[in-house]
Amino acid sequence: MNKGEFIEQLKQSIGILDDQEQQYFVEEYTQHIEMKMSQGMSEEEAVKAMGSIEELSKEILASYHVKTDLNEQT
């Protein structure tokens, strides 16, 4: 997966957040990927190092107290 695909999937997975919050995370993860690339990783390696989009989006949404699992208890 390349950086553009990763960022697009991340945006879709956190789409419940408002545009400003989404943009914050897009910029944050774009910078992380670019930093890893500047340290010698390929684009694909840098994206892979970010981890799974599913896990990242769960962490991001949890920080906003958005439930990602309908089976979660209140």
PDB file of N, CA and C in Angstrom:
ATOM      1  N   MET A   1       0.856  -1.173   0.000  1.00  0.00           N
ATOM      2  CA  MET A   1       0.000   0.000   0.000  1.00  0.00           C
ATOM      3  C   MET A   1       0.900   1.234   0.000  1.00  0.00           C
ATOM      4  N   ASN A   2       0.524   2.239  -0.775  1.00  0.00           N
ATOM      5  CA  ASN A   2       1.313   3.470  -0.773  1.00  0.00           C
ATOM      6  C   ASN A   2       0.703   4.494   0.191  1.00  0.00           C
ATOM      7  N   LYS A   3       1.400   5.610   0.345  1.00  0.00           N
ATOM      8  CA  LYS A   3       0.971   6.637   1.303  1.00  0.00           C
ATOM      9  C   LYS A   3      -0.423   7.168   0.990  1.00  0.00           C
ATOM     10  N   GLY A   4      -0.704   7.434  -0.276  1.00  0.00           N
ATOM     11  CA  GLY A   4      -2.008   7.962  -0.662  1.00  0.00           C
ATOM     12  C   GLY A   4      -3.144   7.013  -0.314  1.00  0.00           C
ATOM     13  N   GLU A   5      -2.935   5.730  -0.583  1.00  0.00           N
ATOM     14  CA  GLU A   5      -3.953   4.725  -0.266  1.00  0.00           C
ATOM     15  C   GLU A   5      -4.157   4.624   1.245  1.00  0.00           C
ATOM     16  N   PHE A   6      -3.057   4.630   1.985  1.00  0.00           N
ATOM     17  CA  PHE A   6      -3.124   4.548   3.445  1.00  0.00           C
ATOM     18  C   PHE A   6      -3.919   5.723   4.004  1.00  0.00           C
ATOM     19  N   ILE A   7      -3.583   6.922   3.567  1.00  0.00           N
ATOM     20  CA  ILE A   7      -4.243   8.125   4.075  1.00  0.00           C
ATOM     21  C   ILE A   7      -5.721   8.122   3.709  1.00  0.00           C
ATOM     22  N   GLU A   8      -6.053   7.709   2.494  1.00  0.00           N
ATOM     23  CA  GLU A   8      -7.461   7.662   2.076  1.00  0.00           C
ATOM     24  C   GLU A   8      -8.245   6.664   2.917  1.00  0.00           C
ATOM     25  N   GLN A   9      -7.670   5.495   3.170  1.00  0.00           N
ATOM     26  CA  GLN A   9      -8.351   4.498   4.002  1.00  0.00           C
ATOM     27  C   GLN A   9      -8.481   4.976   5.439  1.00  0.00           C
ATOM     28  N   LEU A  10      -7.455   5.657   5.936  1.00  0.00           N
ATOM     29  CA  LEU A  10      -7.523   6.202   7.288  1.00  0.00           C
ATOM     30  C   LEU A  10      -8.653   7.222   7.384  1.00  0.00           C
ATOM     31  N   LYS A  11      -8.739   8.123   6.400  1.00  0.00           N
ATOM     32  CA  LYS A  11      -9.808   9.127   6.397  1.00  0.00           C
ATOM     33  C   LYS A  11     -11.186   8.475   6.414  1.00  0.00           C
ATOM     34  N   GLN A  12     -11.346   7.435   5.625  1.00  0.00           N
ATOM     35  CA  GLN A  12     -12.640   6.743   5.578  1.00  0.00           C
ATOM     36  C   GLN A  12     -12.951   6.096   6.919  1.00  0.00           C
ATOM     37  N   SER A  13     -11.937   5.545   7.564  1.00  0.00           N
ATOM     38  CA  SER A  13     -12.180   4.819   8.812  1.00  0.00           C
ATOM     39  C   SER A  13     -12.455   5.743   9.996  1.00  0.00           C
ATOM     40  N   ILE A  14     -12.062   7.015   9.880  1.00  0.00           N
ATOM     41  CA  ILE A  14     -12.338   7.978  10.953  1.00  0.00           C
ATOM     42  C   ILE A  14     -13.331   9.042  10.480  1.00  0.00           C
ATOM     43  N   GLY A  15     -14.077   8.706   9.463  1.00  0.00           N
ATOM     44  CA  GLY A  15     -15.012   9.640   8.833  1.00  0.00           C
ATOM     45  C   GLY A  15     -16.088  10.184   9.749  1.00  0.00           C
ATOM     46  N   ILE A  16     -16.306   9.547  10.874  1.00  0.00           N
ATOM     47  CA  ILE A  16     -17.310  10.024  11.830  1.00  0.00           C
ATOM     48  C   ILE A  16     -16.856  11.321  12.510  1.00  0.00           C
ATOM     49  N   LEU A  17     -15.535  11.551  12.528  1.00  0.00           N
ATOM     50  CA  LEU A  17     -15.004  12.774  13.149  1.00  0.00           C
ATOM     51  C   LEU A  17     -15.243  13.963  12.231  1.00  0.00           C
ATOM     52  N   ASP A  18     -15.231  15.162  12.806  1.00  0.00           N
ATOM     53  CA  ASP A  18     -15.433  16.330  11.951  1.00  0.00           C
ATOM     54  C   ASP A  18     -14.195  16.567  11.080  1.00  0.00           C
ATOM     55  N   ASP A  19     -14.360  17.385  10.061  1.00  0.00           N
ATOM     56  CA  ASP A  19     -13.313  17.583   9.059  1.00  0.00           C
ATOM     57  C   ASP A  19     -11.992  18.055   9.662  1.00  0.00           C
ATOM     58  N   GLN A  20     -12.052  18.952  10.631  1.00  0.00           N
ATOM     59  CA  GLN A  20     -10.841  19.479  11.243  1.00  0.00           C
ATOM     60  C   GLN A  20     -10.071  18.379  11.983  1.00  0.00           C
ATOM     61  N   GLU A  21     -10.787  17.535  12.696  1.00  0.00           N
ATOM     62  CA  GLU A  21     -10.152  16.432  13.411  1.00  0.00           C
ATOM     63  C   GLU A  21      -9.564  15.420  12.435  1.00  0.00           C
ATOM     64  N   GLN A  22     -10.289  15.116  11.376  1.00  0.00           N
ATOM     65  CA  GLN A  22      -9.768  14.206  10.356  1.00  0.00           C
ATOM     66  C   GLN A  22      -8.479  14.769   9.758  1.00  0.00           C
ATOM     67  N   GLN A  23      -8.485  16.052   9.440  1.00  0.00           N
ATOM     68  CA  GLN A  23      -7.330  16.682   8.823  1.00  0.00           C
ATOM     69  C   GLN A  23      -6.117  16.619   9.752  1.00  0.00           C
ATOM     70  N   TYR A  24      -6.335  16.777  11.044  1.00  0.00           N
ATOM     71  CA  TYR A  24      -5.247  16.679  12.014  1.00  0.00           C
ATOM     72  C   TYR A  24      -4.556  15.322  11.887  1.00  0.00           C
ATOM     73  N   PHE A  25      -5.340  14.241  11.875  1.00  0.00           N
ATOM     74  CA  PHE A  25      -4.760  12.900  11.810  1.00  0.00           C
ATOM     75  C   PHE A  25      -4.138  12.614  10.449  1.00  0.00           C
ATOM     76  N   VAL A  26      -4.734  13.122   9.384  1.00  0.00           N
ATOM     77  CA  VAL A  26      -4.142  12.975   8.050  1.00  0.00           C
ATOM     78  C   VAL A  26      -2.756  13.618   8.032  1.00  0.00           C
ATOM     79  N   GLU A  27      -2.657  14.827   8.544  1.00  0.00           N
ATOM     80  CA  GLU A  27      -1.367  15.519   8.568  1.00  0.00           C
ATOM     81  C   GLU A  27      -0.368  14.803   9.468  1.00  0.00           C
ATOM     82  N   GLU A  28      -0.840  14.341  10.615  1.00  0.00           N
ATOM     83  CA  GLU A  28       0.017  13.649  11.575  1.00  0.00           C
ATOM     84  C   GLU A  28       0.619  12.380  10.960  1.00  0.00           C
ATOM     85  N   TYR A  29      -0.213  11.546  10.376  1.00  0.00           N
ATOM     86  CA  TYR A  29       0.289  10.289   9.816  1.00  0.00           C
ATOM     87  C   TYR A  29       1.058  10.506   8.522  1.00  0.00           C
ATOM     88  N   THR A  30       0.724  11.521   7.761  1.00  0.00           N
ATOM     89  CA  THR A  30       1.517  11.861   6.579  1.00  0.00           C
ATOM     90  C   THR A  30       2.932  12.234   7.009  1.00  0.00           C
ATOM     91  N   GLN A  31       3.045  13.034   8.069  1.00  0.00           N
ATOM     92  CA  GLN A  31       4.370  13.424   8.576  1.00  0.00           C
ATOM     93  C   GLN A  31       5.149  12.218   9.075  1.00  0.00           C
ATOM     94  N   HIS A  32       4.485  11.314   9.788  1.00  0.00           N
ATOM     95  CA  HIS A  32       5.158  10.114  10.286  1.00  0.00           C
ATOM     96  C   HIS A  32       5.713   9.279   9.130  1.00  0.00           C
ATOM     97  N   ILE A  33       4.909   9.095   8.102  1.00  0.00           N
ATOM     98  CA  ILE A  33       5.343   8.311   6.943  1.00  0.00           C
ATOM     99  C   ILE A  33       6.519   8.999   6.258  1.00  0.00           C
ATOM    100  N   GLU A  34       6.405  10.310   6.053  1.00  0.00           N
ATOM    101  CA  GLU A  34       7.480  11.044   5.383  1.00  0.00           C
ATOM    102  C   GLU A  34       8.764  11.028   6.199  1.00  0.00           C
ATOM    103  N   MET A  35       8.654  11.080   7.525  1.00  0.00           N
ATOM    104  CA  MET A  35       9.835  11.016   8.378  1.00  0.00           C
ATOM    105  C   MET A  35      10.528   9.658   8.218  1.00  0.00           C
ATOM    106  N   LYS A  36       9.761   8.596   8.215  1.00  0.00           N
ATOM    107  CA  LYS A  36      10.341   7.263   8.048  1.00  0.00           C
ATOM    108  C   LYS A  36      10.996   7.120   6.680  1.00  0.00           C
ATOM    109  N   MET A  37      10.380   7.714   5.662  1.00  0.00           N
ATOM    110  CA  MET A  37      10.966   7.672   4.322  1.00  0.00           C
ATOM    111  C   MET A  37      12.277   8.461   4.284  1.00  0.00           C
ATOM    112  N   SER A  38      12.333   9.576   5.002  1.00  0.00           N
ATOM    113  CA  SER A  38      13.562  10.380   5.025  1.00  0.00           C
ATOM    114  C   SER A  38      14.683   9.661   5.768  1.00  0.00           C
ATOM    115  N   GLN A  39      14.315   8.657   6.578  1.00  0.00           N
ATOM    116  CA  GLN A  39      15.301   7.861   7.301  1.00  0.00           C
ATOM    117  C   GLN A  39      15.721   6.628   6.501  1.00  0.00           C
ATOM    118  N   GLY A  40      15.242   6.534   5.277  1.00  0.00           N
ATOM    119  CA  GLY A  40      15.695   5.476   4.385  1.00  0.00           C
ATOM    120  C   GLY A  40      14.699   4.374   4.071  1.00  0.00           C
ATOM    121  N   MET A  41      13.536   4.408   4.674  1.00  0.00           N
ATOM    122  CA  MET A  41      12.526   3.392   4.358  1.00  0.00           C
ATOM    123  C   MET A  41      11.881   3.705   3.015  1.00  0.00           C
ATOM    124  N   SER A  42      11.453   2.646   2.338  1.00  0.00           N
ATOM    125  CA  SER A  42      10.651   2.867   1.127  1.00  0.00           C
ATOM    126  C   SER A  42       9.268   3.333   1.567  1.00  0.00           C
ATOM    127  N   GLU A  43       8.499   3.846   0.627  1.00  0.00           N
ATOM    128  CA  GLU A  43       7.143   4.296   0.945  1.00  0.00           C
ATOM    129  C   GLU A  43       6.313   3.138   1.508  1.00  0.00           C
ATOM    130  N   GLU A  44       6.419   1.977   0.879  1.00  0.00           N
ATOM    131  CA  GLU A  44       5.653   0.816   1.323  1.00  0.00           C
ATOM    132  C   GLU A  44       6.079   0.372   2.723  1.00  0.00           C
ATOM    133  N   GLU A  45       7.385   0.394   3.008  1.00  0.00           N
ATOM    134  CA  GLU A  45       7.878   0.016   4.334  1.00  0.00           C
ATOM    135  C   GLU A  45       7.388   1.006   5.395  1.00  0.00           C
ATOM    136  N   ALA A  46       7.436   2.282   5.047  1.00  0.00           N
ATOM    137  CA  ALA A  46       6.999   3.315   5.991  1.00  0.00           C
ATOM    138  C   ALA A  46       5.515   3.172   6.305  1.00  0.00           C
ATOM    139  N   VAL A  47       4.717   2.899   5.294  1.00  0.00           N
ATOM    140  CA  VAL A  47       3.281   2.710   5.500  1.00  0.00           C
ATOM    141  C   VAL A  47       3.044   1.471   6.356  1.00  0.00           C
ATOM    142  N   LYS A  48       3.735   0.399   6.054  1.00  0.00           N
ATOM    143  CA  LYS A  48       3.570  -0.844   6.814  1.00  0.00           C
ATOM    144  C   LYS A  48       3.947  -0.634   8.284  1.00  0.00           C
ATOM    145  N   ALA A  49       4.946   0.189   8.531  1.00  0.00           N
ATOM    146  CA  ALA A  49       5.397   0.465   9.899  1.00  0.00           C
ATOM    147  C   ALA A  49       4.340   1.206  10.721  1.00  0.00           C
ATOM    148  N   MET A  50       3.380   1.821  10.063  1.00  0.00           N
ATOM    149  CA  MET A  50       2.317   2.531  10.768  1.00  0.00           C
ATOM    150  C   MET A  50       1.346   1.563  11.447  1.00  0.00           C
ATOM    151  N   GLY A  51       1.333   0.320  11.005  1.00  0.00           N
ATOM    152  CA  GLY A  51       0.419  -0.661  11.579  1.00  0.00           C
ATOM    153  C   GLY A  51      -0.876  -0.722  10.794  1.00  0.00           C
ATOM    154  N   SER A  52      -1.800  -1.478  11.327  1.00  0.00           N
ATOM    155  CA  SER A  52      -3.061  -1.658  10.607  1.00  0.00           C
ATOM    156  C   SER A  52      -3.963  -0.430  10.775  1.00  0.00           C
ATOM    157  N   ILE A  53      -4.626  -0.087   9.706  1.00  0.00           N
ATOM    158  CA  ILE A  53      -5.549   1.042   9.731  1.00  0.00           C
ATOM    159  C   ILE A  53      -6.680   0.767  10.716  1.00  0.00           C
ATOM    160  N   GLU A  54      -7.112  -0.472  10.778  1.00  0.00           N
ATOM    161  CA  GLU A  54      -8.192  -0.837  11.699  1.00  0.00           C
ATOM    162  C   GLU A  54      -7.791  -0.518  13.141  1.00  0.00           C
ATOM    163  N   GLU A  55      -6.594  -0.913  13.532  1.00  0.00           N
ATOM    164  CA  GLU A  55      -6.142  -0.654  14.904  1.00  0.00           C
ATOM    165  C   GLU A  55      -5.930   0.841  15.150  1.00  0.00           C
ATOM    166  N   LEU A  56      -5.332   1.520  14.176  1.00  0.00           N
ATOM    167  CA  LEU A  56      -5.117   2.965  14.319  1.00  0.00           C
ATOM    168  C   LEU A  56      -6.449   3.698  14.474  1.00  0.00           C
ATOM    169  N   SER A  57      -7.406   3.353  13.632  1.00  0.00           N
ATOM    170  CA  SER A  57      -8.691   4.053  13.694  1.00  0.00           C
ATOM    171  C   SER A  57      -9.406   3.753  15.003  1.00  0.00           C
ATOM    172  N   LYS A  58      -9.288   2.527  15.509  1.00  0.00           N
ATOM    173  CA  LYS A  58      -9.893   2.203  16.801  1.00  0.00           C
ATOM    174  C   LYS A  58      -9.292   3.069  17.909  1.00  0.00           C
ATOM    175  N   GLU A  59      -7.962   3.211  17.889  1.00  0.00           N
ATOM    176  CA  GLU A  59      -7.293   4.039  18.902  1.00  0.00           C
ATOM    177  C   GLU A  59      -7.723   5.501  18.786  1.00  0.00           C
ATOM    178  N   ILE A  60      -7.765   6.001  17.554  1.00  0.00           N
ATOM    179  CA  ILE A  60      -8.147   7.401  17.326  1.00  0.00           C
ATOM    180  C   ILE A  60      -9.581   7.628  17.801  1.00  0.00           C
ATOM    181  N   LEU A  61     -10.491   6.777  17.369  1.00  0.00           N
ATOM    182  CA  LEU A  61     -11.894   6.949  17.737  1.00  0.00           C
ATOM    183  C   LEU A  61     -12.104   6.764  19.235  1.00  0.00           C
ATOM    184  N   ALA A  62     -11.378   5.847  19.839  1.00  0.00           N
ATOM    185  CA  ALA A  62     -11.489   5.645  21.289  1.00  0.00           C
ATOM    186  C   ALA A  62     -11.062   6.903  22.042  1.00  0.00           C
ATOM    187  N   SER A  63     -10.080   7.620  21.501  1.00  0.00           N
ATOM    188  CA  SER A  63      -9.640   8.850  22.162  1.00  0.00           C
ATOM    189  C   SER A  63     -10.724   9.924  22.134  1.00  0.00           C
ATOM    190  N   TYR A  64     -11.692   9.784  21.232  1.00  0.00           N
ATOM    191  CA  TYR A  64     -12.842  10.692  21.155  1.00  0.00           C
ATOM    192  C   TYR A  64     -14.080  10.052  21.779  1.00  0.00           C
ATOM    193  N   HIS A  65     -13.878   8.933  22.450  1.00  0.00           N
ATOM    194  CA  HIS A  65     -14.953   8.191  23.115  1.00  0.00           C
ATOM    195  C   HIS A  65     -16.025   7.710  22.140  1.00  0.00           C
ATOM    196  N   VAL A  66     -15.586   7.366  20.927  1.00  0.00           N
ATOM    197  CA  VAL A  66     -16.477   6.800  19.926  1.00  0.00           C
ATOM    198  C   VAL A  66     -16.310   5.289  19.994  1.00  0.00           C
ATOM    199  N   LYS A  67     -17.397   4.578  20.225  1.00  0.00           N
ATOM    200  CA  LYS A  67     -17.331   3.122  20.289  1.00  0.00           C
ATOM    201  C   LYS A  67     -17.162   2.558  18.883  1.00  0.00           C
ATOM    202  N   THR A  68     -16.224   1.625  18.752  1.00  0.00           N
ATOM    203  CA  THR A  68     -15.970   1.007  17.459  1.00  0.00           C
ATOM    204  C   THR A  68     -16.500  -0.407  17.398  1.00  0.00           C
ATOM    205  N   ASP A  69     -16.957  -0.925  18.527  1.00  0.00           N
ATOM    206  CA  ASP A  69     -17.485  -2.278  18.590  1.00  0.00           C
ATOM    207  C   ASP A  69     -18.880  -2.207  19.200  1.00  0.00           C
ATOM    208  N   LEU A  70     -19.854  -2.620  18.470  1.00  0.00           N
ATOM    209  CA  LEU A  70     -21.231  -2.538  18.970  1.00  0.00           C
ATOM    210  C   LEU A  70     -21.451  -3.393  20.200  1.00  0.00           C
ATOM    211  N   ASN A  71     -20.547  -4.320  20.471  1.00  0.00           N
ATOM    212  CA  ASN A  71     -20.670  -5.177  21.634  1.00  0.00           C
ATOM    213  C   ASN A  71     -20.024  -4.585  22.876  1.00  0.00           C
ATOM    214  N   GLU A  72     -19.368  -3.431  22.755  1.00  0.00           N
ATOM    215  CA  GLU A  72     -18.731  -2.799  23.913  1.00  0.00           C
ATOM    216  C   GLU A  72     -19.785  -2.404  24.932  1.00  0.00           C
ATOM    217  N   GLN A  73     -19.420  -2.499  26.185  1.00  0.00           N
ATOM    218  CA  GLN A  73     -20.309  -2.087  27.262  1.00  0.00           C
ATOM    219  C   GLN A  73     -20.128  -0.607  27.552  1.00  0.00           C
ATOM    220  N   THR A  74     -21.118   0.041  28.031  1.00  0.00           N
ATOM    221  CA  THR A  74     -21.062   1.466  28.355  1.00  0.00           C
ATOM    222  C   THR A  74     -20.403   1.695  29.677  1.00  0.00           C
TER     223      THR A  74
END
